Amino acid sequence: MSSEESGSADGEARQGVRREVSSDALLSLLNERLAAYGHCHACRFVGPIRPLPEPSEDGRNWSRYVALVCSDSVASGCKRIAERILDDAALEHNLQPS
């Protein structure tokens, strides 16, 4: 694969480069990314991040259903941002084997 291809944002190109992390590290990463959005400062992902019994079709080995909790209610903008963060993390990370 050329260096141009490896830098592609397309999911299939990125699928093979997932980094294995612990569930705690993945949860921290999700929250760091969420905190970068100032208007979602009252929101947090809460665990646990659960492993899947079998990898999904896209190769991810963890459940994308990670609760999002906000001090008030979950605003639609924060919900969309959280979904985008989960989409990106699903392409970039897998859980370490237990």
PDB file of N, CA and C in Angstrom:
ATOM      1  N   MET A   1       0.849  -1.165   0.000  1.00  0.00           N
ATOM      2  CA  MET A   1       0.000   0.000   0.000  1.00  0.00           C
ATOM      3  C   MET A   1       0.902   1.238   0.000  1.00  0.00           C
ATOM      4  N   SER A   2       0.541   2.218  -0.803  1.00  0.00           N
ATOM      5  CA  SER A   2       1.339   3.447  -0.859  1.00  0.00           C
ATOM      6  C   SER A   2       1.059   4.304   0.359  1.00  0.00           C
ATOM      7  N   SER A   3       1.932   5.286   0.607  1.00  0.00           N
ATOM      8  CA  SER A   3       1.726   6.166   1.751  1.00  0.00           C
ATOM      9  C   SER A   3       0.468   6.999   1.582  1.00  0.00           C
ATOM     10  N   GLU A   4       0.084   7.277   0.316  1.00  0.00           N
ATOM     11  CA  GLU A   4      -1.152   8.023   0.085  1.00  0.00           C
ATOM     12  C   GLU A   4      -2.354   7.196   0.522  1.00  0.00           C
ATOM     13  N   GLU A   5      -2.332   5.887   0.206  1.00  0.00           N
ATOM     14  CA  GLU A   5      -3.443   5.025   0.566  1.00  0.00           C
ATOM     15  C   GLU A   5      -3.547   4.858   2.069  1.00  0.00           C
ATOM     16  N   SER A   6      -2.417   4.753   2.757  1.00  0.00           N
ATOM     17  CA  SER A   6      -2.451   4.526   4.201  1.00  0.00           C
ATOM     18  C   SER A   6      -3.004   5.728   4.943  1.00  0.00           C
ATOM     19  N   GLY A   7      -2.956   6.916   4.341  1.00  0.00           N
ATOM     20  CA  GLY A   7      -3.479   8.115   4.978  1.00  0.00           C
ATOM     21  C   GLY A   7      -4.940   8.354   4.656  1.00  0.00           C
ATOM     22  N   SER A   8      -5.566   7.450   3.942  1.00  0.00           N
ATOM     23  CA  SER A   8      -6.960   7.618   3.541  1.00  0.00           C
ATOM     24  C   SER A   8      -7.877   7.645   4.748  1.00  0.00           C
ATOM     25  N   ALA A   9      -8.924   8.470   4.672  1.00  0.00           N
ATOM     26  CA  ALA A   9      -9.898   8.543   5.758  1.00  0.00           C
ATOM     27  C   ALA A   9     -10.975   7.487   5.581  1.00  0.00           C
ATOM     28  N   ASP A  10     -10.950   6.763   4.524  1.00  0.00           N
ATOM     29  CA  ASP A  10     -11.956   5.750   4.233  1.00  0.00           C
ATOM     30  C   ASP A  10     -11.847   4.603   5.231  1.00  0.00           C
ATOM     31  N   GLY A  11     -12.977   4.121   5.717  1.00  0.00           N
ATOM     32  CA  GLY A  11     -13.020   3.118   6.771  1.00  0.00           C
ATOM     33  C   GLY A  11     -12.273   1.846   6.447  1.00  0.00           C
ATOM     34  N   GLU A  12     -12.349   1.376   5.185  1.00  0.00           N
ATOM     35  CA  GLU A  12     -11.668   0.138   4.834  1.00  0.00           C
ATOM     36  C   GLU A  12     -10.155   0.302   4.933  1.00  0.00           C
ATOM     37  N   ALA A  13      -9.638   1.456   4.535  1.00  0.00           N
ATOM     38  CA  ALA A  13      -8.201   1.672   4.613  1.00  0.00           C
ATOM     39  C   ALA A  13      -7.744   1.774   6.064  1.00  0.00           C
ATOM     40  N   ARG A  14      -8.567   2.357   6.911  1.00  0.00           N
ATOM     41  CA  ARG A  14      -8.192   2.548   8.311  1.00  0.00           C
ATOM     42  C   ARG A  14      -8.440   1.297   9.143  1.00  0.00           C
ATOM     43  N   GLN A  15      -9.288   0.404   8.664  1.00  0.00           N
ATOM     44  CA  GLN A  15      -9.680  -0.765   9.435  1.00  0.00           C
ATOM     45  C   GLN A  15      -8.486  -1.598   9.877  1.00  0.00           C
ATOM     46  N   GLY A  16      -7.469  -1.744   9.060  1.00  0.00           N
ATOM     47  CA  GLY A  16      -6.346  -2.604   9.387  1.00  0.00           C
ATOM     48  C   GLY A  16      -5.362  -2.008  10.369  1.00  0.00           C
ATOM     49  N   VAL A  17      -5.533  -0.765  10.782  1.00  0.00           N
ATOM     50  CA  VAL A  17      -4.542  -0.119  11.636  1.00  0.00           C
ATOM     51  C   VAL A  17      -5.072   0.165  13.040  1.00  0.00           C
ATOM     52  N   ARG A  18      -6.027  -0.621  13.483  1.00  0.00           N
ATOM     53  CA  ARG A  18      -6.572  -0.401  14.830  1.00  0.00           C
ATOM     54  C   ARG A  18      -5.508  -0.652  15.886  1.00  0.00           C
ATOM     55  N   ARG A  19      -5.481   0.220  16.849  1.00  0.00           N
ATOM     56  CA  ARG A  19      -4.556   0.088  17.980  1.00  0.00           C
ATOM     57  C   ARG A  19      -5.293  -0.609  19.120  1.00  0.00           C
ATOM     58  N   GLU A  20      -4.665  -1.584  19.738  1.00  0.00           N
ATOM     59  CA  GLU A  20      -5.291  -2.291  20.856  1.00  0.00           C
ATOM     60  C   GLU A  20      -5.048  -1.525  22.147  1.00  0.00           C
ATOM     61  N   VAL A  21      -6.134  -1.266  22.882  1.00  0.00           N
ATOM     62  CA  VAL A  21      -6.065  -0.528  24.141  1.00  0.00           C
ATOM     63  C   VAL A  21      -6.954  -1.223  25.168  1.00  0.00           C
ATOM     64  N   SER A  22      -6.760  -0.902  26.437  1.00  0.00           N
ATOM     65  CA  SER A  22      -7.634  -1.435  27.484  1.00  0.00           C
ATOM     66  C   SER A  22      -8.975  -0.704  27.426  1.00  0.00           C
ATOM     67  N   SER A  23      -9.990  -1.280  28.049  1.00  0.00           N
ATOM     68  CA  SER A  23     -11.298  -0.615  28.060  1.00  0.00           C
ATOM     69  C   SER A  23     -11.229   0.711  28.812  1.00  0.00           C
ATOM     70  N   ASP A  24     -10.417   0.784  29.871  1.00  0.00           N
ATOM     71  CA  ASP A  24     -10.264   2.053  30.606  1.00  0.00           C
ATOM     72  C   ASP A  24      -9.593   3.116  29.744  1.00  0.00           C
ATOM     73  N   ALA A  25      -8.575   2.713  28.990  1.00  0.00           N
ATOM     74  CA  ALA A  25      -7.884   3.664  28.112  1.00  0.00           C
ATOM     75  C   ALA A  25      -8.812   4.148  27.005  1.00  0.00           C
ATOM     76  N   LEU A  26      -9.639   3.259  26.471  1.00  0.00           N
ATOM     77  CA  LEU A  26     -10.587   3.656  25.424  1.00  0.00           C
ATOM     78  C   LEU A  26     -11.621   4.624  25.978  1.00  0.00           C
ATOM     79  N   LEU A  27     -12.121   4.353  27.169  1.00  0.00           N
ATOM     80  CA  LEU A  27     -13.087   5.253  27.793  1.00  0.00           C
ATOM     81  C   LEU A  27     -12.458   6.626  28.036  1.00  0.00           C
ATOM     82  N   SER A  28     -11.226   6.663  28.482  1.00  0.00           N
ATOM     83  CA  SER A  28     -10.519   7.933  28.693  1.00  0.00           C
ATOM     84  C   SER A  28     -10.351   8.685  27.381  1.00  0.00           C
ATOM     85  N   LEU A  29      -9.994   7.966  26.335  1.00  0.00           N
ATOM     86  CA  LEU A  29      -9.831   8.585  25.017  1.00  0.00           C
ATOM     87  C   LEU A  29     -11.151   9.205  24.539  1.00  0.00           C
ATOM     88  N   LEU A  30     -12.241   8.459  24.684  1.00  0.00           N
ATOM     89  CA  LEU A  30     -13.551   8.981  24.271  1.00  0.00           C
ATOM     90  C   LEU A  30     -13.880  10.265  25.026  1.00  0.00           C
ATOM     91  N   ASN A  31     -13.630  10.265  26.333  1.00  0.00           N
ATOM     92  CA  ASN A  31     -13.928  11.450  27.142  1.00  0.00           C
ATOM     93  C   ASN A  31     -13.008  12.625  26.821  1.00  0.00           C
ATOM     94  N   GLU A  32     -11.745  12.355  26.504  1.00  0.00           N
ATOM     95  CA  GLU A  32     -10.834  13.429  26.102  1.00  0.00           C
ATOM     96  C   GLU A  32     -11.330  14.090  24.823  1.00  0.00           C
ATOM     97  N   ARG A  33     -11.761  13.269  23.872  1.00  0.00           N
ATOM     98  CA  ARG A  33     -12.262  13.817  22.608  1.00  0.00           C
ATOM     99  C   ARG A  33     -13.550  14.601  22.827  1.00  0.00           C
ATOM    100  N   LEU A  34     -14.414  14.107  23.687  1.00  0.00           N
ATOM    101  CA  LEU A  34     -15.662  14.811  23.968  1.00  0.00           C
ATOM    102  C   LEU A  34     -15.388  16.142  24.663  1.00  0.00           C
ATOM    103  N   ALA A  35     -14.423  16.166  25.568  1.00  0.00           N
ATOM    104  CA  ALA A  35     -14.087  17.390  26.301  1.00  0.00           C
ATOM    105  C   ALA A  35     -13.553  18.482  25.374  1.00  0.00           C
ATOM    106  N   ALA A  36     -13.030  18.084  24.226  1.00  0.00           N
ATOM    107  CA  ALA A  36     -12.499  19.063  23.271  1.00  0.00           C
ATOM    108  C   ALA A  36     -13.611  19.921  22.669  1.00  0.00           C
ATOM    109  N   TYR A  37     -14.853  19.484  22.797  1.00  0.00           N
ATOM    110  CA  TYR A  37     -16.000  20.257  22.324  1.00  0.00           C
ATOM    111  C   TYR A  37     -16.539  21.038  23.513  1.00  0.00           C
ATOM    112  N   GLY A  38     -16.290  22.318  23.552  1.00  0.00           N
ATOM    113  CA  GLY A  38     -16.639  23.152  24.697  1.00  0.00           C
ATOM    114  C   GLY A  38     -18.098  23.098  25.112  1.00  0.00           C
ATOM    115  N   HIS A  39     -19.006  23.026  24.149  1.00  0.00           N
ATOM    116  CA  HIS A  39     -20.415  23.044  24.528  1.00  0.00           C
ATOM    117  C   HIS A  39     -20.904  21.702  25.071  1.00  0.00           C
ATOM    118  N   CYS A  40     -20.053  20.692  25.100  1.00  0.00           N
ATOM    119  CA  CYS A  40     -20.411  19.391  25.684  1.00  0.00           C
ATOM    120  C   CYS A  40     -19.657  19.145  26.989  1.00  0.00           C
ATOM    121  N   HIS A  41     -19.207  20.229  27.637  1.00  0.00           N
ATOM    122  CA  HIS A  41     -18.387  20.079  28.848  1.00  0.00           C
ATOM    123  C   HIS A  41     -19.135  19.417  30.000  1.00  0.00           C
ATOM    124  N   ALA A  42     -20.472  19.420  29.962  1.00  0.00           N
ATOM    125  CA  ALA A  42     -21.242  18.807  31.039  1.00  0.00           C
ATOM    126  C   ALA A  42     -21.573  17.343  30.740  1.00  0.00           C
ATOM    127  N   CYS A  43     -21.011  16.806  29.656  1.00  0.00           N
ATOM    128  CA  CYS A  43     -21.301  15.428  29.249  1.00  0.00           C
ATOM    129  C   CYS A  43     -20.070  14.551  29.397  1.00  0.00           C
ATOM    130  N   ARG A  44     -20.326  13.258  29.634  1.00  0.00           N
ATOM    131  CA  ARG A  44     -19.264  12.257  29.778  1.00  0.00           C
ATOM    132  C   ARG A  44     -19.762  10.911  29.304  1.00  0.00           C
ATOM    133  N   PHE A  45     -18.856  10.166  28.680  1.00  0.00           N
ATOM    134  CA  PHE A  45     -19.138   8.755  28.419  1.00  0.00           C
ATOM    135  C   PHE A  45     -18.893   8.018  29.729  1.00  0.00           C
ATOM    136  N   VAL A  46     -19.768   7.082  30.047  1.00  0.00           N
ATOM    137  CA  VAL A  46     -19.561   6.250  31.235  1.00  0.00           C
ATOM    138  C   VAL A  46     -19.485   4.794  30.794  1.00  0.00           C
ATOM    139  N   GLY A  47     -18.687   4.042  31.455  1.00  0.00           N
ATOM    140  CA  GLY A  47     -18.461   2.647  31.070  1.00  0.00           C
ATOM    141  C   GLY A  47     -19.511   1.724  31.643  1.00  0.00           C
ATOM    142  N   PRO A  48     -19.272   0.483  31.519  1.00  0.00           N
ATOM    143  CA  PRO A  48     -18.054  -0.068  30.948  1.00  0.00           C
ATOM    144  C   PRO A  48     -18.146  -0.168  29.424  1.00  0.00           C
ATOM    145  N   ILE A  49     -16.993  -0.288  28.797  1.00  0.00           N
ATOM    146  CA  ILE A  49     -16.950  -0.605  27.370  1.00  0.00           C
ATOM    147  C   ILE A  49     -16.867  -2.115  27.304  1.00  0.00           C
ATOM    148  N   ARG A  50     -17.847  -2.699  26.668  1.00  0.00           N
ATOM    149  CA  ARG A  50     -17.981  -4.160  26.674  1.00  0.00           C
ATOM    150  C   ARG A  50     -17.397  -4.782  25.408  1.00  0.00           C
ATOM    151  N   PRO A  51     -16.646  -5.859  25.575  1.00  0.00           N
ATOM    152  CA  PRO A  51     -16.147  -6.573  24.391  1.00  0.00           C
ATOM    153  C   PRO A  51     -17.299  -7.315  23.710  1.00  0.00           C
ATOM    154  N   LEU A  52     -17.201  -7.482  22.406  1.00  0.00           N
ATOM    155  CA  LEU A  52     -18.173  -8.279  21.660  1.00  0.00           C
ATOM    156  C   LEU A  52     -17.731  -9.739  21.683  1.00  0.00           C
ATOM    157  N   PRO A  53     -18.684 -10.680  21.665  1.00  0.00           N
ATOM    158  CA  PRO A  53     -18.294 -12.095  21.638  1.00  0.00           C
ATOM    159  C   PRO A  53     -17.520 -12.454  20.367  1.00  0.00           C
ATOM    160  N   GLU A  54     -17.869 -11.810  19.254  1.00  0.00           N
ATOM    161  CA  GLU A  54     -17.199 -11.993  17.967  1.00  0.00           C
ATOM    162  C   GLU A  54     -17.000 -10.608  17.363  1.00  0.00           C
ATOM    163  N   PRO A  55     -15.930 -10.382  16.616  1.00  0.00           N
ATOM    164  CA  PRO A  55     -15.743  -9.073  15.976  1.00  0.00           C
ATOM    165  C   PRO A  55     -16.906  -8.747  15.032  1.00  0.00           C
ATOM    166  N   SER A  56     -17.230  -7.470  14.942  1.00  0.00           N
ATOM    167  CA  SER A  56     -18.291  -7.024  14.042  1.00  0.00           C
ATOM    168  C   SER A  56     -17.791  -7.101  12.597  1.00  0.00           C
ATOM    169  N   GLU A  57     -18.691  -6.830  11.652  1.00  0.00           N
ATOM    170  CA  GLU A  57     -18.315  -6.876  10.241  1.00  0.00           C
ATOM    171  C   GLU A  57     -17.176  -5.920   9.917  1.00  0.00           C
ATOM    172  N   ASP A  58     -17.116  -4.797  10.619  1.00  0.00           N
ATOM    173  CA  ASP A  58     -16.062  -3.812  10.346  1.00  0.00           C
ATOM    174  C   ASP A  58     -14.761  -4.132  11.087  1.00  0.00           C
ATOM    175  N   GLY A  59     -14.742  -5.210  11.876  1.00  0.00           N
ATOM    176  CA  GLY A  59     -13.534  -5.626  12.571  1.00  0.00           C
ATOM    177  C   GLY A  59     -13.432  -5.138  14.009  1.00  0.00           C
ATOM    178  N   ARG A  60     -14.358  -4.302  14.432  1.00  0.00           N
ATOM    179  CA  ARG A  60     -14.360  -3.772  15.801  1.00  0.00           C
ATOM    180  C   ARG A  60     -14.714  -4.896  16.763  1.00  0.00           C
ATOM    181  N   ASN A  61     -14.066  -4.908  17.943  1.00  0.00           N
ATOM    182  CA  ASN A  61     -14.337  -5.975  18.911  1.00  0.00           C
ATOM    183  C   ASN A  61     -14.979  -5.467  20.206  1.00  0.00           C
ATOM    184  N   TRP A  62     -15.549  -4.255  20.164  1.00  0.00           N
ATOM    185  CA  TRP A  62     -16.213  -3.703  21.353  1.00  0.00           C
ATOM    186  C   TRP A  62     -17.547  -3.089  20.969  1.00  0.00           C
ATOM    187  N   SER A  63     -18.451  -3.060  21.937  1.00  0.00           N
ATOM    188  CA  SER A  63     -19.795  -2.540  21.696  1.00  0.00           C
ATOM    189  C   SER A  63     -19.765  -1.021  21.612  1.00  0.00           C
ATOM    190  N   ARG A  64     -20.415  -0.494  20.582  1.00  0.00           N
ATOM    191  CA  ARG A  64     -20.509   0.959  20.400  1.00  0.00           C
ATOM    192  C   ARG A  64     -21.545   1.574  21.338  1.00  0.00           C
ATOM    193  N   TYR A  65     -22.257   0.765  22.084  1.00  0.00           N
ATOM    194  CA  TYR A  65     -23.265   1.285  23.011  1.00  0.00           C
ATOM    195  C   TYR A  65     -22.587   1.663  24.322  1.00  0.00           C
ATOM    196  N   VAL A  66     -22.121   2.892  24.371  1.00  0.00           N
ATOM    197  CA  VAL A  66     -21.452   3.443  25.553  1.00  0.00           C
ATOM    198  C   VAL A  66     -22.320   4.601  26.009  1.00  0.00           C
ATOM    199  N   ALA A  67     -22.798   4.521  27.234  1.00  0.00           N
ATOM    200  CA  ALA A  67     -23.727   5.543  27.729  1.00  0.00           C
ATOM    201  C   ALA A  67     -23.088   6.927  27.742  1.00  0.00           C
ATOM    202  N   LEU A  68     -23.887   7.925  27.351  1.00  0.00           N
ATOM    203  CA  LEU A  68     -23.490   9.322  27.407  1.00  0.00           C
ATOM    204  C   LEU A  68     -24.361   9.985  28.464  1.00  0.00           C
ATOM    205  N   VAL A  69     -23.728  10.562  29.477  1.00  0.00           N
ATOM    206  CA  VAL A  69     -24.449  11.181  30.582  1.00  0.00           C
ATOM    207  C   VAL A  69     -24.073  12.660  30.624  1.00  0.00           C
ATOM    208  N   CYS A  70     -25.103  13.501  30.757  1.00  0.00           N
ATOM    209  CA  CYS A  70     -24.882  14.946  30.859  1.00  0.00           C
ATOM    210  C   CYS A  70     -25.532  15.445  32.140  1.00  0.00           C
ATOM    211  N   SER A  71     -25.021  16.555  32.681  1.00  0.00           N
ATOM    212  CA  SER A  71     -25.568  17.068  33.944  1.00  0.00           C
ATOM    213  C   SER A  71     -27.015  17.531  33.778  1.00  0.00           C
ATOM    214  N   ASP A  72     -27.363  18.022  32.603  1.00  0.00           N
ATOM    215  CA  ASP A  72     -28.752  18.378  32.337  1.00  0.00           C
ATOM    216  C   ASP A  72     -29.335  17.268  31.480  1.00  0.00           C
ATOM    217  N   SER A  73     -29.800  17.600  30.305  1.00  0.00           N
ATOM    218  CA  SER A  73     -30.247  16.574  29.370  1.00  0.00           C
ATOM    219  C   SER A  73     -29.228  16.499  28.242  1.00  0.00           C
ATOM    220  N   VAL A  74     -29.269  15.424  27.492  1.00  0.00           N
ATOM    221  CA  VAL A  74     -28.330  15.253  26.384  1.00  0.00           C
ATOM    222  C   VAL A  74     -28.836  16.093  25.216  1.00  0.00           C
ATOM    223  N   ALA A  75     -28.099  17.135  24.884  1.00  0.00           N
ATOM    224  CA  ALA A  75     -28.469  17.995  23.763  1.00  0.00           C
ATOM    225  C   ALA A  75     -28.219  17.250  22.454  1.00  0.00           C
ATOM    226  N   SER A  76     -29.019  17.541  21.436  1.00  0.00           N
ATOM    227  CA  SER A  76     -28.878  16.837  20.160  1.00  0.00           C
ATOM    228  C   SER A  76     -27.489  17.047  19.562  1.00  0.00           C
ATOM    229  N   GLY A  77     -26.919  18.252  19.730  1.00  0.00           N
ATOM    230  CA  GLY A  77     -25.579  18.509  19.211  1.00  0.00           C
ATOM    231  C   GLY A  77     -24.543  17.623  19.872  1.00  0.00           C
ATOM    232  N   CYS A  78     -24.639  17.454  21.174  1.00  0.00           N
ATOM    233  CA  CYS A  78     -23.688  16.600  21.895  1.00  0.00           C
ATOM    234  C   CYS A  78     -23.894  15.134  21.524  1.00  0.00           C
ATOM    235  N   LYS A  79     -25.129  14.754  21.280  1.00  0.00           N
ATOM    236  CA  LYS A  79     -25.400  13.376  20.868  1.00  0.00           C
ATOM    237  C   LYS A  79     -24.743  13.085  19.517  1.00  0.00           C
ATOM    238  N   ARG A  80     -24.856  14.021  18.579  1.00  0.00           N
ATOM    239  CA  ARG A  80     -24.223  13.844  17.263  1.00  0.00           C
ATOM    240  C   ARG A  80     -22.697  13.809  17.387  1.00  0.00           C
ATOM    241  N   ILE A  81     -22.152  14.669  18.218  1.00  0.00           N
ATOM    242  CA  ILE A  81     -20.700  14.677  18.431  1.00  0.00           C
ATOM    243  C   ILE A  81     -20.254  13.354  19.050  1.00  0.00           C
ATOM    244  N   ALA A  82     -21.004  12.872  20.036  1.00  0.00           N
ATOM    245  CA  ALA A  82     -20.669  11.596  20.680  1.00  0.00           C
ATOM    246  C   ALA A  82     -20.694  10.460  19.662  1.00  0.00           C
ATOM    247  N   GLU A  83     -21.686  10.458  18.772  1.00  0.00           N
ATOM    248  CA  GLU A  83     -21.761   9.415  17.748  1.00  0.00           C
ATOM    249  C   GLU A  83     -20.558   9.478  16.812  1.00  0.00           C
ATOM    250  N   ARG A  84     -20.144  10.686  16.455  1.00  0.00           N
ATOM    251  CA  ARG A  84     -18.978  10.859  15.576  1.00  0.00           C
ATOM    252  C   ARG A  84     -17.707  10.374  16.275  1.00  0.00           C
ATOM    253  N   ILE A  85     -17.583  10.683  17.556  1.00  0.00           N
ATOM    254  CA  ILE A  85     -16.417  10.237  18.326  1.00  0.00           C
ATOM    255  C   ILE A  85     -16.379   8.713  18.380  1.00  0.00           C
ATOM    256  N   LEU A  86     -17.532   8.084  18.606  1.00  0.00           N
ATOM    257  CA  LEU A  86     -17.593   6.626  18.638  1.00  0.00           C
ATOM    258  C   LEU A  86     -17.273   6.034  17.270  1.00  0.00           C
ATOM    259  N   ASP A  87     -17.783   6.672  16.183  1.00  0.00           N
ATOM    260  CA  ASP A  87     -17.478   6.197  14.824  1.00  0.00           C
ATOM    261  C   ASP A  87     -15.976   6.189  14.583  1.00  0.00           C
ATOM    262  N   ASP A  88     -15.324   7.305  14.920  1.00  0.00           N
ATOM    263  CA  ASP A  88     -13.876   7.406  14.708  1.00  0.00           C
ATOM    264  C   ASP A  88     -13.119   6.389  15.558  1.00  0.00           C
ATOM    265  N   ALA A  89     -13.486   6.281  16.828  1.00  0.00           N
ATOM    266  CA  ALA A  89     -12.795   5.345  17.722  1.00  0.00           C
ATOM    267  C   ALA A  89     -12.986   3.903  17.267  1.00  0.00           C
ATOM    268  N   ALA A  90     -14.154   3.596  16.694  1.00  0.00           N
ATOM    269  CA  ALA A  90     -14.423   2.242  16.223  1.00  0.00           C
ATOM    270  C   ALA A  90     -13.496   1.852  15.066  1.00  0.00           C
ATOM    271  N   LEU A  91     -13.080   2.847  14.287  1.00  0.00           N
ATOM    272  CA  LEU A  91     -12.155   2.591  13.188  1.00  0.00           C
ATOM    273  C   LEU A  91     -10.700   2.566  13.635  1.00  0.00           C
ATOM    274  N   GLU A  92     -10.424   3.207  14.758  1.00  0.00           N
ATOM    275  CA  GLU A  92      -9.042   3.387  15.196  1.00  0.00           C
ATOM    276  C   GLU A  92      -8.576   2.439  16.295  1.00  0.00           C
ATOM    277  N   HIS A  93      -9.509   1.894  17.090  1.00  0.00           N
ATOM    278  CA  HIS A  93      -9.114   1.143  18.284  1.00  0.00           C
ATOM    279  C   HIS A  93      -9.906  -0.159  18.442  1.00  0.00           C
ATOM    280  N   ASN A  94      -9.249  -1.121  19.018  1.00  0.00           N
ATOM    281  CA  ASN A  94      -9.877  -2.365  19.469  1.00  0.00           C
ATOM    282  C   ASN A  94      -9.449  -2.591  20.910  1.00  0.00           C
ATOM    283  N   LEU A  95     -10.216  -3.410  21.604  1.00  0.00           N
ATOM    284  CA  LEU A  95      -9.836  -3.765  22.971  1.00  0.00           C
ATOM    285  C   LEU A  95      -8.736  -4.812  22.936  1.00  0.00           C
ATOM    286  N   GLN A  96      -7.846  -4.717  23.904  1.00  0.00           N
ATOM    287  CA  GLN A  96      -6.803  -5.724  24.049  1.00  0.00           C
ATOM    288  C   GLN A  96      -7.461  -7.053  24.407  1.00  0.00           C
ATOM    289  N   PRO A  97      -6.901  -8.145  23.928  1.00  0.00           N
ATOM    290  CA  PRO A  97      -7.454  -9.454  24.323  1.00  0.00           C
ATOM    291  C   PRO A  97      -7.335  -9.633  25.836  1.00  0.00           C
ATOM    292  N   SER A  98      -8.346 -10.249  26.427  1.00  0.00           N
ATOM    293  CA  SER A  98      -8.303 -10.432  27.885  1.00  0.00           C
ATOM    294  C   SER A  98      -7.602 -11.705  28.273  1.00  0.00           C
TER     295      SER A  98
END
